[in-house]
Structures are given as structure tokens and as C-alpha cells.
Amino acid sequence: MSEIKTLDMPKWGLSMEEGTLSHWLVKEGSTFTKGQEICEIETSKVVNSLEAPFTGTLRKYLVHEGDTVAVGAVLALAADASVSDEALDAFAANLGTEKSSAPTPPAAPTSATPVTVATESLPATTSPSSLTKSPQPASPSSQPRIPESLQGATDVERVKSTPHALRQANKLGVDLGKVNGSGREGRISVADLERAIIDAGGQLAPTTLPSRSLKRPRSHADDSQVSATPLARRLASQLGINLHDCRASGSQGRVSRDDVQAAALLLNDQPQAVPEVETLSAAFENLPMSGMRRAIATRLQESKHNAPHFRLTINLDLDPLLKLRKEINAGVKQIKVSVNDLLVKACAQALVTVPDVNVQFDETSQSIRRFADADISVAVALPTGLITPIVRMANRKSISEISQEIHTLITHAKAGTLKPEQFLGGTFSISNLGMLGVNQFDAIINPPQGAILAVGAGEERAVVRGGQLVACQQLTVSLSCDHRMIDGAQGAVFLQELKRLVETPTLMLV
């Protein structure tokens, strides 16, 4: 019997949790060879091509262009022509069945069919054993009602939709050609389908919680002293909920709006619609977070939470460095060295001299990794967020090599074509906002690295030398260190070495 193989969402880097299939490069029914590019996948950082791990025939897409799925999800099925379409459909259906019957939740789904798990939170004073659940028979009003204007069969060749939306439409008898999609290139989601039914005057089957009977009575105690947000207190008054019956999961142990809504669902015989609460009249726009923005938020929040930051600041005289830069650019027409290029070289050499700052923290083993070579991550601002391509072994490279490599990396970063090995890892980071006129700032450490250097703008300042007030070009740098790995003295020694190299830049040429 011919074998059915799967093409799965890869995991490019430790922080990757999901990817968006942006474009299929091999059509259904086409053969491919091992190593051939199958599709383009957009992660939180870059767009990369998935290479085929084997030779075969792509028979069935399970994930369509524009869909975002978790790492490990099956993107498509590959099999010989002798395998029937029915066998492929059965195989795809079993992917979801096998996962749903697993004793523990998987780290990532293995099919394109999303599985929704409903969860509820109980107030702190409610014991799960005090609830009794009894199923309710379906009433006529609980059945979905589809308007005639939407009824029909979907032409799957003409309509773009998510697999889940197509299954729902077939189940309800809705023609998706009559539904407007809000996804990429007009792709229709389940939310679009449900919105169209409601807007056309139809009715969806309600997803109410099972009926419950509570053994404990409602609280009637004075709740005026219960710590709660103003919004939660106003909502509780409108719903007739005593704040003593609510858990307190908000900031500083206060009852939040969500806590009141949860209590309302548990204490009322029938779930009540939550009334609209007055909001500020100022206009605003909701902007969904991109995958890159979510990755940045997660990593830097973890960094601030896990890494005890401390910062050291020093002023660097730029005149010698600017003189060297001018001589290099005048003598070598093929390249154009920037101050940032020279700072990358200076930091790399300083890290080799002070290796205790050239470190990473291994959270798993709670150990410190110290490196012999300096892999410098250079922060690059993109419209969608921040990415840090890496100059590998910068301490071994000349200034011109560093300059050319940074230019190439920035070009790939802006085009979204960086490979994972070009931005994952690094032993030290540099973030330069000087070109934007920022004099000084503090940067958050890029885990698992131990330190990051924040570079401000070079400017002419008045300084005292030999008892005389003179003008010179200076810039301020701030070193953020993870105190689990780096002590203040080690960070200070690194800054001293960096200052020596910047103010005597010919040392970087030997």
C-alpha cells in the first residue's frame, strides 16, 4: 500500500511558535524533489522557504495561503497517484481525531483543523464540587436559522476560505460566495461567516454554558469595601452582582470587569448579555499585533521579568574615531564605513579582552555560557518591529568586512529574507538611536545574551582639558547588564576597554 506523508510547519528557532503560509510554490497534483522549495512561510521575524524533506507528489493542501498555524501542524499531504482522494480525506480527518484523543494536550496541533477548548474560571469562594451539571434538551430557538439570501452550495474553486469556515458553511448550507471575507486577499473566516448570518437576520446556535445549580447562596454582605476597579464596580451594580461573589484576579488584587462577568455567568440561571459600559469618547484605532510584534513583546517581557538589569553609562570622545573613519572612506572608495561599523569592531575586541561580558544565560541548566568569539547582534528597526541580524566572529573581521556584512544583513532584514542562522543567537547586542537624535537611552537585554549597548547621538560638547574649556565630539553609551551573570565591576572594565579602543582607534587595526 502506498504511503501518505505529511509536510509540516517547521520550527525555525527556539522562539518560533507559529507561522503563516504566505505562498504555495508547488501546486496540488505536482511532483517535487527532495530539497525543492515547497512554500513560503512568514514567521515573526522573516519569510523563508520550506524545503521538501523527501521526493513525492503533493496531493492535498491542508493549510491555505494566509492561514496561520502552530509549529508542527500538517501543511499538506503527499502520496502517489495510486492513493485515492477518499484515503487522503480519511487520513486528514484522523489527524485531528488522534490528537483530540490524546491523554495530554499537544504542544502544537498536527492538522489544519482548529480545536477550540472552552474553559471557565470560578470565583475563589466557589468549589467545583458545589456545581452540578445537567444537560438541557435543544429547544427550537437553539437551532441555527440561515437566511434564504445566504443559502446555497459553495464553489470551492472560486471562493477563498479557511478550512474551518468551509466545513461550517457546508454544514449550515451557506454559499460562501455570498459572504465578504476580512482575511488576506479576501479569505473568509468562521467569524466572517457568523457575522454574515447575523447581519442578514439569521440566527446561530447559541454556545451557552451547561445549566448549573449552586448550593451556596448569593452573598448579601456590604461590598463597598471590596477592592475593585471602577469599571468592575459599575458593571456589578448593573448586573446585580455582589463583589464578594467575584474572584479578584486584577492588578493589585482587585476585582476586574472579567471577574464580574464570570460571576454573572455562574450566579444567574441564564447567562445575561453584558450591558455596554460607558467608555471615553476619544477616538482610537485598534491595531492587531503582528507576529513580530508579539514575539518582541514576549521576549522582552520575559527579559525584564527574569533578568535583573543594571546599567552603566560612559561618555566617549569621538574625534579620533571620526578622523580614522574619514581616512578609511577617502582611501577606500569601494566602501563607506559608518561610526556604527567602527563601534561594532570596538565592542567585539573589547568583549574578547573582557570575556565575562561575552556571555549567555542558559535558563534550563541555570548556567553561564562564555564565548571565545564575539557574535554582535545589530538592532535594525523595521516598520513591523525590531530584528537583530548578527555579525559572526566580528573580532576576527576587518572594519571593511564588518561594514559590508552589516550592509548586506540590513538589506536582507528590510526585505524579510534573513535566514534563521543570521538573526538567532548572538553574544552581545548594539542598539543605536543616534541617527534619530536621541542623546541617551537604556536598552532591554536581548535574551539569552548578558548585555546590550545603547548608543546615543554624537554631538559637540564643552569639556575641560588641561584646565581649558574646549569643544569636542562626544557620544554617550549605556551598558545594560544581566546581574545574574555580570557584576558591576566587570561591566565597568568592559566600558573602560571600549573607551580605550574608541579614543585610540588605531588599536583596532593591529
Protein backbone atom coordinates (compact mmCIF):
# COMPACT_ATOMS: atom_id res chain seq x y z
CA MET A 1 0.00 0.00 0.00
CA SER A 2 1.33 3.44 -0.95
CA GLU A 3 2.41 5.63 1.95
CA ILE A 4 0.89 9.01 2.77
CA LYS A 5 3.47 11.51 4.03
CA THR A 6 2.99 14.90 5.62
CA LEU A 7 4.65 18.26 5.09
CA ASP A 8 4.70 20.02 8.46
CA MET A 9 5.14 23.58 9.72
CA PRO A 10 8.86 23.74 10.64
CA LYS A 11 10.35 25.20 13.80
CA TRP A 12 12.96 27.79 12.86
CA GLY A 13 14.50 28.89 16.14
CA LEU A 14 13.64 28.31 19.78
CA SER A 15 11.18 31.22 19.97
CA MET A 16 9.09 30.25 16.92
CA GLU A 17 5.63 29.03 17.92
CA GLU A 18 3.60 29.60 14.72
CA GLY A 19 3.95 30.58 11.11
CA THR A 20 1.81 32.00 8.29
CA LEU A 21 1.76 30.17 4.98
CA SER A 22 2.18 33.10 2.59
CA HIS A 23 2.51 31.30 -0.79
CA TRP A 24 2.46 27.77 -2.17
CA LEU A 25 5.27 27.16 -4.68
CA VAL A 26 4.11 23.62 -5.65
CA LYS A 27 0.55 23.08 -6.84
CA GLU A 28 -1.69 20.20 -5.84
CA GLY A 29 -1.04 17.20 -8.08
CA SER A 30 2.52 18.29 -8.91
CA THR A 31 5.62 16.25 -8.13
CA PHE A 32 8.57 17.65 -6.21
CA THR A 33 12.08 16.54 -5.35
CA LYS A 34 13.93 16.47 -2.07
CA GLY A 35 15.32 19.93 -1.30
CA GLN A 36 12.89 21.71 -3.63
CA GLU A 37 11.15 24.78 -2.20
CA ILE A 38 7.55 23.82 -1.40
CA CYS A 39 6.08 27.01 0.06
CA GLU A 40 6.95 30.34 1.63
CA ILE A 41 6.34 30.73 5.36
CA GLU A 42 6.25 34.01 7.25
CA THR A 43 7.39 33.85 10.87
CA SER A 44 7.51 36.58 13.48
CA LYS A 45 10.82 37.71 12.02
CA VAL A 46 11.30 36.73 8.37
CA VAL A 47 9.88 34.99 5.31
CA ASN A 48 11.62 31.70 4.48
CA SER A 49 11.03 28.87 2.04
CA LEU A 50 10.25 25.36 3.28
CA GLU A 51 12.40 22.77 1.51
CA ALA A 52 10.94 19.33 0.84
CA PRO A 53 12.43 16.66 3.15
CA PHE A 54 11.65 13.93 0.59
CA THR A 55 10.64 13.38 -3.02
CA GLY A 56 6.96 12.87 -3.79
CA THR A 57 3.70 14.22 -5.19
CA LEU A 58 1.79 16.97 -3.40
CA ARG A 59 -1.81 15.73 -3.34
CA LYS A 60 -3.75 17.86 -0.87
CA TYR A 61 -3.38 21.24 0.84
CA LEU A 62 -4.49 21.26 4.48
CA VAL A 63 -3.40 24.86 5.08
CA HIS A 64 -4.10 27.60 2.58
CA GLU A 65 -2.30 30.84 1.78
CA GLY A 66 -2.81 33.40 4.52
CA ASP A 67 -3.53 30.83 7.25
CA THR A 68 -1.51 30.94 10.47
CA VAL A 69 -0.88 27.62 12.21
CA ALA A 70 1.28 26.32 15.06
CA VAL A 71 4.67 24.71 14.69
CA GLY A 72 4.23 21.03 13.79
CA ALA A 73 0.86 21.50 12.08
CA VAL A 74 0.43 19.48 8.89
CA LEU A 75 0.51 21.80 5.88
CA ALA A 76 -0.15 19.28 3.12
CA LEU A 77 -0.30 15.58 2.27
CA ALA A 78 2.00 13.86 -0.22
CA ALA A 79 1.28 10.48 -1.82
CA ASP A 80 1.45 8.58 -5.10
CA ALA A 81 -1.35 8.87 -7.64
CA SER A 82 -2.49 5.36 -6.65
CA VAL A 83 -3.76 6.72 -3.32
CA SER A 84 -7.42 7.74 -3.64
CA ASP A 85 -8.82 11.12 -2.64
CA GLU A 86 -11.06 9.33 -0.12
CA ALA A 87 -7.99 7.82 1.55
CA LEU A 88 -6.38 11.26 1.78
CA ASP A 89 -9.55 12.74 3.28
CA ALA A 90 -9.74 9.92 5.83
CA PHE A 91 -6.06 10.39 6.70
CA ALA A 92 -6.56 14.13 7.19
CA ALA A 93 -9.63 13.54 9.36
CA ASN A 94 -7.74 11.06 11.53
CA LEU A 95 -5.01 13.62 12.21
CA GLY A 96 -7.46 15.67 14.27
CA THR A 97 -9.06 12.58 15.86
CA GLU A 98 -5.77 11.17 17.04
CA LYS A 99 -4.81 14.46 18.63
CA SER A 100 -8.13 15.01 20.33
CA SER A 101 -8.00 11.55 21.93
CA ALA A 102 -4.50 12.05 23.31
CA PRO A 103 -4.28 11.91 27.12
CA THR A 104 -2.44 15.25 27.33
CA PRO A 105 -2.77 18.41 25.26
CA PRO A 106 -0.18 18.52 22.45
CA ALA A 107 2.39 21.27 22.21
CA ALA A 108 1.20 22.03 18.69
CA PRO A 109 -1.73 20.72 16.62
CA THR A 110 -0.95 18.35 13.78
CA SER A 111 -3.79 19.23 11.48
CA ALA A 112 -5.16 22.36 9.94
CA THR A 113 -8.44 21.89 11.84
CA PRO A 114 -8.51 24.24 14.84
CA VAL A 115 -9.63 22.68 18.10
CA THR A 116 -11.46 25.01 20.48
CA VAL A 117 -11.25 24.19 24.18
CA ALA A 118 -13.75 26.04 26.34
CA THR A 119 -12.51 26.96 29.80
CA GLU A 120 -14.13 28.82 32.64
CA SER A 121 -12.81 30.43 35.79
CA LEU A 122 -14.60 30.04 39.11
CA PRO A 123 -14.65 32.63 41.85
CA ALA A 124 -12.17 31.90 44.58
CA THR A 125 -15.02 31.11 47.01
CA THR A 126 -16.65 28.54 44.71
CA SER A 127 -15.66 24.90 44.86
CA PRO A 128 -16.02 22.89 41.62
CA SER A 129 -17.71 20.14 43.63
CA SER A 130 -20.50 22.56 44.56
CA LEU A 131 -21.66 22.69 40.95
CA THR A 132 -23.97 20.08 39.45
CA LYS A 133 -24.28 19.91 35.68
CA SER A 134 -27.24 18.56 33.78
CA PRO A 135 -27.62 18.57 30.01
CA GLN A 136 -30.51 20.53 28.55
CA PRO A 137 -32.51 19.34 25.56
CA ALA A 138 -32.22 21.53 22.50
CA SER A 139 -35.14 23.90 22.04
CA PRO A 140 -36.38 25.10 18.65
CA SER A 141 -34.89 28.51 19.30
CA SER A 142 -31.45 26.91 19.82
CA GLN A 143 -31.30 25.71 16.22
CA PRO A 144 -29.47 27.89 13.68
CA ARG A 145 -31.60 29.80 11.18
CA ILE A 146 -29.95 30.60 7.86
CA PRO A 147 -31.48 33.41 5.73
CA GLU A 148 -32.50 32.41 2.23
CA SER A 149 -30.21 35.08 0.80
CA LEU A 150 -27.18 33.11 2.03
CA GLN A 151 -28.35 29.59 1.30
CA GLY A 152 -26.65 27.54 -1.39
CA ALA A 153 -23.54 25.50 -2.16
CA THR A 154 -20.05 26.94 -2.17
CA ASP A 155 -17.93 26.87 -5.31
CA VAL A 156 -14.60 25.94 -3.68
CA GLU A 157 -12.68 26.76 -6.87
CA ARG A 158 -13.93 30.34 -6.83
CA VAL A 159 -14.06 31.16 -3.12
CA LYS A 160 -11.11 31.53 -0.76
CA SER A 161 -11.81 30.50 2.82
CA THR A 162 -10.25 28.79 5.81
CA PRO A 163 -10.89 25.03 6.03
CA HIS A 164 -12.93 25.54 9.21
CA ALA A 165 -15.14 28.17 7.56
CA LEU A 166 -15.74 25.89 4.56
CA ARG A 167 -16.76 23.00 6.81
CA GLN A 168 -19.13 25.24 8.77
CA ALA A 169 -20.64 26.62 5.56
CA ASN A 170 -21.25 23.12 4.17
CA LYS A 171 -22.81 22.08 7.47
CA LEU A 172 -25.14 25.10 7.55
CA GLY A 173 -25.86 25.16 3.82
CA VAL A 174 -24.32 28.60 3.27
CA ASP A 175 -22.83 29.73 -0.05
CA LEU A 176 -19.55 31.40 0.92
CA GLY A 177 -19.64 33.25 -2.39
CA LYS A 178 -22.25 35.48 -0.75
CA VAL A 179 -20.02 36.23 2.26
CA ASN A 180 -17.42 39.00 2.43
CA GLY A 181 -14.05 37.90 3.78
CA SER A 182 -11.85 40.05 6.02
CA GLY A 183 -8.68 37.96 5.72
CA ARG A 184 -5.72 38.31 3.41
CA GLU A 185 -6.87 38.59 -0.22
CA GLY A 186 -10.49 38.40 0.96
CA ARG A 187 -10.16 34.99 2.64
CA ILE A 188 -13.31 34.11 4.61
CA SER A 189 -13.02 33.02 8.24
CA VAL A 190 -15.59 31.49 10.61
CA ALA A 191 -16.06 34.94 12.15
CA ASP A 192 -16.90 36.36 8.70
CA LEU A 193 -19.44 33.56 8.16
CA GLU A 194 -21.13 34.11 11.50
CA ARG A 195 -21.19 37.87 11.02
CA ALA A 196 -22.86 37.49 7.61
CA ILE A 197 -25.58 35.24 9.06
CA ILE A 198 -26.36 37.69 11.88
CA ASP A 199 -26.30 40.74 9.56
CA ALA A 200 -28.74 39.02 7.19
CA GLY A 201 -31.21 38.44 10.03
CA GLY A 202 -30.31 34.83 10.74
CA GLN A 203 -29.58 33.06 13.99
CA LEU A 204 -26.67 30.96 15.18
CA ALA A 205 -26.88 28.07 17.60
CA PRO A 206 -26.06 29.61 20.99
CA THR A 207 -22.99 28.33 22.81
CA THR A 208 -24.36 28.69 26.33
CA LEU A 209 -22.78 27.03 29.29
CA PRO A 210 -24.49 23.97 30.79
CA SER A 211 -27.11 24.77 33.40
CA ARG A 212 -25.84 24.83 36.94
CA SER A 213 -27.37 24.88 40.36
CA LEU A 214 -25.33 26.48 43.10
CA LYS A 215 -25.56 25.06 46.61
CA ARG A 216 -24.22 28.19 48.23
CA PRO A 217 -26.45 31.28 48.36
CA ARG A 218 -25.55 34.65 46.91
CA SER A 219 -23.71 37.00 49.18
CA HIS A 220 -25.66 39.97 50.53
CA ALA A 221 -22.85 41.48 52.57
CA ASP A 222 -21.78 45.09 52.11
CA ASP A 223 -19.27 45.07 49.25
CA SER A 224 -18.40 48.76 49.35
CA GLN A 225 -15.00 47.97 50.84
CA VAL A 226 -14.13 45.25 48.34
CA SER A 227 -11.17 46.34 46.23
CA ALA A 228 -12.39 46.61 42.62
CA THR A 229 -11.79 48.69 39.52
CA PRO A 230 -14.34 51.47 38.91
CA LEU A 231 -15.46 49.71 35.73
CA ALA A 232 -15.97 46.41 37.58
CA ARG A 233 -17.95 48.11 40.37
CA ARG A 234 -20.22 49.88 37.86
CA LEU A 235 -20.79 46.67 35.89
CA ALA A 236 -21.53 44.68 39.07
CA SER A 237 -24.17 47.22 40.03
CA GLN A 238 -25.81 46.92 36.60
CA LEU A 239 -25.82 43.10 36.73
CA GLY A 240 -26.85 42.84 40.37
CA ILE A 241 -23.64 41.03 41.36
CA ASN A 242 -22.19 41.31 44.85
CA LEU A 243 -18.43 41.86 44.67
CA HIS A 244 -17.95 39.29 47.45
CA ASP A 245 -19.04 36.64 44.92
CA CYS A 246 -16.28 37.60 42.48
CA ARG A 247 -12.72 36.42 42.38
CA ALA A 248 -10.04 39.13 42.40
CA SER A 249 -7.66 38.48 39.52
CA GLY A 250 -6.97 42.10 38.56
CA SER A 251 -3.88 44.15 39.31
CA GLN A 252 -3.10 44.68 42.99
CA GLY A 253 -5.65 42.02 43.92
CA ARG A 254 -8.66 43.99 42.68
CA VAL A 255 -11.85 42.61 41.15
CA SER A 256 -11.78 43.26 37.39
CA ARG A 257 -14.51 43.52 34.78
CA ASP A 258 -13.80 39.95 33.64
CA ASP A 259 -14.24 38.72 37.22
CA VAL A 260 -17.71 40.31 37.38
CA GLN A 261 -18.72 38.80 34.03
CA ALA A 262 -17.57 35.34 35.17
CA ALA A 263 -19.57 35.66 38.38
CA ALA A 264 -22.65 36.74 36.41
CA LEU A 265 -22.47 33.60 34.26
CA LEU A 266 -22.18 31.37 37.32
CA LEU A 267 -24.75 33.01 39.58
CA ASN A 268 -27.54 33.65 37.08
CA ASP A 269 -29.80 30.85 35.89
CA GLN A 270 -29.38 32.03 32.31
CA PRO A 271 -26.32 33.86 31.00
CA GLN A 272 -27.07 37.55 30.71
CA ALA A 273 -25.93 39.85 27.99
CA VAL A 274 -23.32 42.19 29.37
CA PRO A 275 -24.54 45.76 29.04
CA GLU A 276 -22.34 48.23 27.29
CA VAL A 277 -20.36 50.29 29.75
CA GLU A 278 -19.69 53.92 29.03
CA THR A 279 -16.22 54.50 27.65
CA LEU A 280 -14.10 57.51 26.92
CA SER A 281 -15.31 59.43 23.89
CA ALA A 282 -11.85 59.91 22.41
CA ALA A 283 -11.45 58.26 19.01
CA PHE A 284 -8.96 55.44 18.70
CA GLU A 285 -7.92 52.71 16.30
CA ASN A 286 -7.44 49.03 17.21
CA LEU A 287 -4.25 47.73 15.62
CA PRO A 288 -3.74 43.96 15.71
CA MET A 289 -0.27 42.88 16.81
CA SER A 290 1.82 41.32 14.08
CA GLY A 291 3.70 38.08 14.69
CA MET A 292 6.95 40.04 15.02
CA ARG A 293 5.38 42.47 17.47
CA ARG A 294 4.05 39.58 19.60
CA ALA A 295 7.48 37.91 19.59
CA ILE A 296 9.15 41.14 20.68
CA ALA A 297 6.58 41.65 23.43
CA THR A 298 7.01 38.11 24.75
CA ARG A 299 10.81 38.03 24.68
CA LEU A 300 11.40 41.46 26.17
CA GLN A 301 8.75 40.99 28.86
CA GLU A 302 10.50 37.78 29.85
CA SER A 303 13.82 39.60 29.82
CA LYS A 304 12.59 42.35 32.14
CA HIS A 305 10.97 39.76 34.42
CA ASN A 306 13.81 37.23 34.56
CA ALA A 307 16.96 39.31 34.13
CA PRO A 308 17.86 41.76 36.94
CA HIS A 309 19.00 44.73 34.84
CA PHE A 310 21.59 47.27 35.94
CA ARG A 311 23.07 49.99 33.76
CA LEU A 312 26.42 51.73 33.41
CA THR A 313 26.94 54.93 31.41
CA ILE A 314 30.09 56.49 29.95
CA ASN A 315 30.99 59.30 27.52
CA LEU A 316 33.25 58.53 24.56
CA ASP A 317 35.39 61.09 22.72
CA LEU A 318 34.66 60.67 19.03
CA ASP A 319 37.25 62.92 17.39
CA PRO A 320 39.90 60.17 16.90
CA LEU A 321 37.29 57.72 15.62
CA LEU A 322 35.84 60.26 13.19
CA LYS A 323 39.34 61.02 11.89
CA LEU A 324 40.01 57.33 11.23
CA ARG A 325 36.62 56.95 9.53
CA LYS A 326 37.37 59.90 7.24
CA GLU A 327 40.75 58.45 6.27
CA ILE A 328 39.28 54.99 5.53
CA ASN A 329 36.44 56.36 3.40
CA ALA A 330 38.80 58.65 1.50
CA GLY A 331 41.34 55.90 0.86
CA VAL A 332 38.98 53.00 0.04
CA LYS A 333 36.34 54.15 -2.46
CA GLN A 334 34.53 50.79 -2.57
CA ILE A 335 33.20 51.04 0.98
CA LYS A 336 31.62 53.65 3.21
CA VAL A 337 32.35 52.96 6.86
CA SER A 338 29.93 54.33 9.46
CA VAL A 339 30.50 55.16 13.10
CA ASN A 340 28.29 52.18 13.97
CA ASP A 341 30.58 49.85 11.97
CA LEU A 342 33.55 51.06 13.99
CA LEU A 343 31.65 50.63 17.27
CA VAL A 344 30.80 47.03 16.32
CA LYS A 345 34.51 46.35 15.78
CA ALA A 346 35.44 48.10 19.05
CA CYS A 347 32.83 46.16 21.03
CA ALA A 348 33.97 42.87 19.51
CA GLN A 349 37.57 43.45 20.53
CA ALA A 350 36.54 44.68 23.98
CA LEU A 351 34.46 41.52 24.50
CA VAL A 352 37.43 39.30 23.68
CA THR A 353 39.53 41.27 26.18
CA VAL A 354 36.74 41.11 28.81
CA PRO A 355 35.11 37.71 28.11
CA ASP A 356 32.98 37.83 31.27
CA VAL A 357 30.64 40.19 29.38
CA ASN A 358 30.59 37.99 26.25
CA VAL A 359 28.11 35.56 27.81
CA GLN A 360 24.67 33.96 27.56
CA PHE A 361 22.44 32.58 30.32
CA ASP A 362 21.10 29.03 29.95
CA GLU A 363 17.72 29.07 31.71
CA THR A 364 17.35 25.28 31.54
CA SER A 365 20.61 24.38 33.28
CA GLN A 366 20.92 27.68 35.17
CA SER A 367 24.46 28.03 33.87
CA ILE A 368 26.54 30.69 32.11
CA ARG A 369 27.98 30.22 28.62
CA ARG A 370 31.14 32.22 27.96
CA PHE A 371 32.28 32.58 24.35
CA ALA A 372 35.73 32.96 22.81
CA ASP A 373 34.47 34.94 19.79
CA ALA A 374 32.11 37.90 19.70
CA ASP A 375 28.89 37.49 17.66
CA ILE A 376 27.47 41.01 17.63
CA SER A 377 23.71 41.48 17.15
CA VAL A 378 22.94 44.81 15.47
CA ALA A 379 19.42 46.14 16.09
CA VAL A 380 17.58 47.10 12.89
CA ALA A 381 14.24 48.95 13.06
CA LEU A 382 11.58 47.74 10.60
CA PRO A 383 8.02 49.05 10.09
CA THR A 384 6.73 45.86 11.76
CA GLY A 385 9.19 45.79 14.68
CA LEU A 386 12.80 45.18 15.59
CA ILE A 387 15.19 42.50 14.36
CA THR A 388 18.81 41.85 15.29
CA PRO A 389 20.94 40.35 12.49
CA ILE A 390 24.30 39.05 13.69
CA VAL A 391 27.86 39.78 12.61
CA ARG A 392 29.51 36.45 13.42
CA MET A 393 33.04 36.48 14.88
CA ALA A 394 33.28 40.24 14.46
CA ASN A 395 36.52 40.24 16.44
CA ARG A 396 38.22 38.31 13.61
CA LYS A 397 36.98 40.58 10.80
CA SER A 398 38.38 43.82 9.42
CA ILE A 399 36.44 47.07 9.60
CA SER A 400 35.66 46.91 5.88
CA GLU A 401 34.37 43.33 6.18
CA ILE A 402 32.15 44.33 9.08
CA SER A 403 30.80 47.31 7.15
CA GLN A 404 29.97 45.25 4.06
CA GLU A 405 28.39 42.46 6.12
CA ILE A 406 26.19 44.87 8.11
CA HIS A 407 25.01 46.48 4.86
CA THR A 408 24.09 43.05 3.45
CA LEU A 409 22.32 41.98 6.64
CA ILE A 410 20.28 45.19 6.81
CA THR A 411 19.25 44.78 3.18
CA HIS A 412 18.03 41.23 3.83
CA ALA A 413 16.31 42.31 7.07
CA LYS A 414 14.30 45.03 5.31
CA ALA A 415 13.38 42.58 2.54
CA GLY A 416 12.35 39.94 5.10
CA THR A 417 14.76 37.36 3.65
CA LEU A 418 17.09 36.78 6.60
CA LYS A 419 17.77 33.12 7.33
CA PRO A 420 17.32 31.92 10.94
CA GLU A 421 21.06 31.49 11.45
CA GLN A 422 21.51 35.17 10.53
CA PHE A 423 19.46 36.52 13.44
CA LEU A 424 19.22 33.76 16.06
CA GLY A 425 21.84 33.65 18.80
CA GLY A 426 24.47 36.32 19.26
CA THR A 427 26.57 37.01 22.34
CA PHE A 428 26.12 40.79 22.61
CA SER A 429 23.81 43.46 21.12
CA ILE A 430 24.21 47.05 19.98
CA SER A 431 21.20 49.37 19.64
CA ASN A 432 21.98 52.73 18.04
CA LEU A 433 19.40 55.54 18.08
CA GLY A 434 21.95 58.29 17.49
CA MET A 435 20.83 58.81 13.90
CA LEU A 436 17.38 59.74 15.28
CA GLY A 437 18.82 62.44 17.54
CA VAL A 438 18.47 60.52 20.82
CA ASN A 439 21.25 61.59 23.21
CA GLN A 440 20.98 58.71 25.68
CA PHE A 441 18.66 55.79 26.42
CA ASP A 442 18.53 52.43 28.20
CA ALA A 443 18.03 49.22 26.22
CA ILE A 444 16.45 45.94 27.34
CA ILE A 445 18.72 42.90 27.17
CA ASN A 446 18.09 40.51 24.28
CA PRO A 447 17.89 37.06 25.95
CA PRO A 448 19.79 34.82 26.38
CA GLN A 449 22.56 37.42 25.99
CA GLY A 450 24.07 39.03 29.06
CA ALA A 451 24.39 42.63 27.91
CA ILE A 452 23.35 45.25 25.35
CA LEU A 453 24.95 48.61 24.50
CA ALA A 454 22.65 51.59 23.86
CA VAL A 455 24.36 54.19 21.65
CA GLY A 456 23.25 57.83 21.58
CA ALA A 457 23.93 60.64 19.13
CA GLY A 458 27.37 62.13 18.62
CA GLU A 459 27.36 65.84 19.41
CA GLU A 460 29.73 68.68 20.08
CA ARG A 461 30.11 69.24 23.82
CA ALA A 462 32.11 71.57 26.02
CA VAL A 463 34.69 69.67 28.10
CA VAL A 464 37.57 70.71 30.34
CA ARG A 465 41.04 69.57 29.25
CA GLY A 466 44.22 70.78 30.88
CA GLY A 467 42.26 73.41 32.73
CA GLN A 468 40.86 74.80 29.49
CA LEU A 469 37.28 74.64 28.23
CA VAL A 470 37.32 73.11 24.75
CA ALA A 471 34.75 71.72 22.31
CA CYS A 472 34.89 68.10 21.19
CA GLN A 473 32.66 65.47 19.62
CA GLN A 474 31.27 63.05 22.20
CA LEU A 475 28.60 60.40 22.46
CA THR A 476 27.05 58.66 25.46
CA VAL A 477 26.67 54.90 25.66
CA SER A 478 24.73 52.92 28.28
CA LEU A 479 25.52 49.29 29.00
CA SER A 480 22.59 47.19 30.30
CA CYS A 481 23.79 44.04 32.08
CA ASP A 482 22.12 40.92 33.48
CA HIS A 483 23.25 40.84 37.10
CA ARG A 484 22.88 37.05 37.21
CA MET A 485 25.98 36.81 35.00
CA ILE A 486 27.75 40.17 35.06
CA ASP A 487 28.77 42.24 38.06
CA GLY A 488 29.19 45.99 38.06
CA ALA A 489 32.97 45.81 38.09
CA GLN A 490 33.03 43.55 35.02
CA GLY A 491 30.71 45.88 33.14
CA ALA A 492 32.86 48.88 34.10
CA VAL A 493 36.05 47.15 32.90
CA PHE A 494 34.35 46.44 29.56
CA LEU A 495 33.38 50.11 29.17
CA GLN A 496 36.93 51.17 30.02
CA GLU A 497 38.31 48.89 27.29
CA LEU A 498 35.68 50.15 24.84
CA LYS A 499 36.63 53.75 25.63
CA ARG A 500 40.33 52.94 25.10
CA LEU A 501 39.63 51.44 21.66
CA VAL A 502 37.27 54.24 20.53
CA GLU A 503 39.63 57.01 21.63
CA THR A 504 42.70 55.18 20.23
CA PRO A 505 41.10 53.54 17.18
CA THR A 506 44.38 52.53 15.55
CA LEU A 507 44.44 49.70 18.12
CA MET A 508 41.62 48.11 16.13
CA LEU A 509 43.85 47.88 13.06
CA VAL A 510 46.55 45.70 14.65
